[in-house]
Amino acid sequence: MLELSLLGLVFLVAGVLLWWSTDSDDDDSSGGLLQPALVPVRVQPRR
C-alpha cells in the first residue's frame, strides 16, 4: 500500500511540475495573461 501511495505522489508532483512549466497564451512569456490595451478615441465636440 505504501508503494502505491508513493507512486501516486510521484505522478501528482510530476503533473504539477508539468502544469507549471507550460506557458500561458501571452507573447512575452511573463507567466500571466495579456491585459487589454486602452486606446484613446478622438471625439469631435458637438456644435
Protein backbone atom coordinates (compact mmCIF):
# COMPACT_ATOMS: atom_id res chain seq x y z
CA MET A 1 0.00 0.00 0.00
CA LEU A 2 2.88 2.34 0.75
CA GLU A 3 4.38 1.79 -2.70
CA LEU A 4 1.06 2.65 -4.37
CA SER A 5 0.79 5.85 -2.33
CA LEU A 6 4.35 6.85 -3.22
CA LEU A 7 3.71 6.14 -6.89
CA GLY A 8 0.60 8.33 -6.77
CA LEU A 9 2.57 11.08 -5.06
CA VAL A 10 5.26 10.91 -7.76
CA PHE A 11 2.64 11.18 -10.50
CA LEU A 12 0.96 14.08 -8.69
CA VAL A 13 4.24 16.00 -8.31
CA ALA A 14 5.18 15.31 -11.94
CA GLY A 15 1.77 16.56 -13.08
CA VAL A 16 2.02 19.75 -11.06
CA LEU A 17 5.54 20.45 -12.36
CA LEU A 18 4.39 19.86 -15.93
CA TRP A 19 1.41 22.17 -15.40
CA TRP A 20 3.66 24.93 -14.01
CA SER A 21 6.14 24.57 -16.86
CA THR A 22 3.59 25.21 -19.61
CA ASP A 23 3.47 28.75 -20.99
CA SER A 24 0.37 30.86 -20.91
CA ASP A 25 -1.11 32.45 -24.01
CA ASP A 26 0.84 35.69 -23.74
CA ASP A 27 3.63 36.78 -26.08
CA ASP A 28 6.37 37.78 -23.64
CA SER A 29 6.33 34.57 -21.52
CA SER A 30 5.90 36.53 -18.30
CA GLY A 31 3.53 33.91 -16.93
CA GLY A 32 0.29 35.89 -16.98
CA LEU A 33 -2.47 36.68 -19.38
CA LEU A 34 -2.23 39.74 -21.59
CA GLN A 35 -4.20 42.71 -20.40
CA PRO A 36 -6.26 44.62 -22.97
CA ALA A 37 -4.64 47.85 -24.13
CA LEU A 38 -6.63 51.04 -23.69
CA VAL A 39 -6.59 53.02 -26.92
CA PRO A 40 -7.65 56.68 -26.85
CA VAL A 41 -10.57 57.51 -29.15
CA ARG A 42 -10.84 61.01 -30.57
CA VAL A 43 -14.29 62.52 -30.25
CA GLN A 44 -15.32 65.64 -32.08
CA PRO A 45 -17.27 68.06 -29.91
CA ARG A 46 -20.86 68.70 -30.95
CA ARG A 47 -21.70 72.15 -32.17
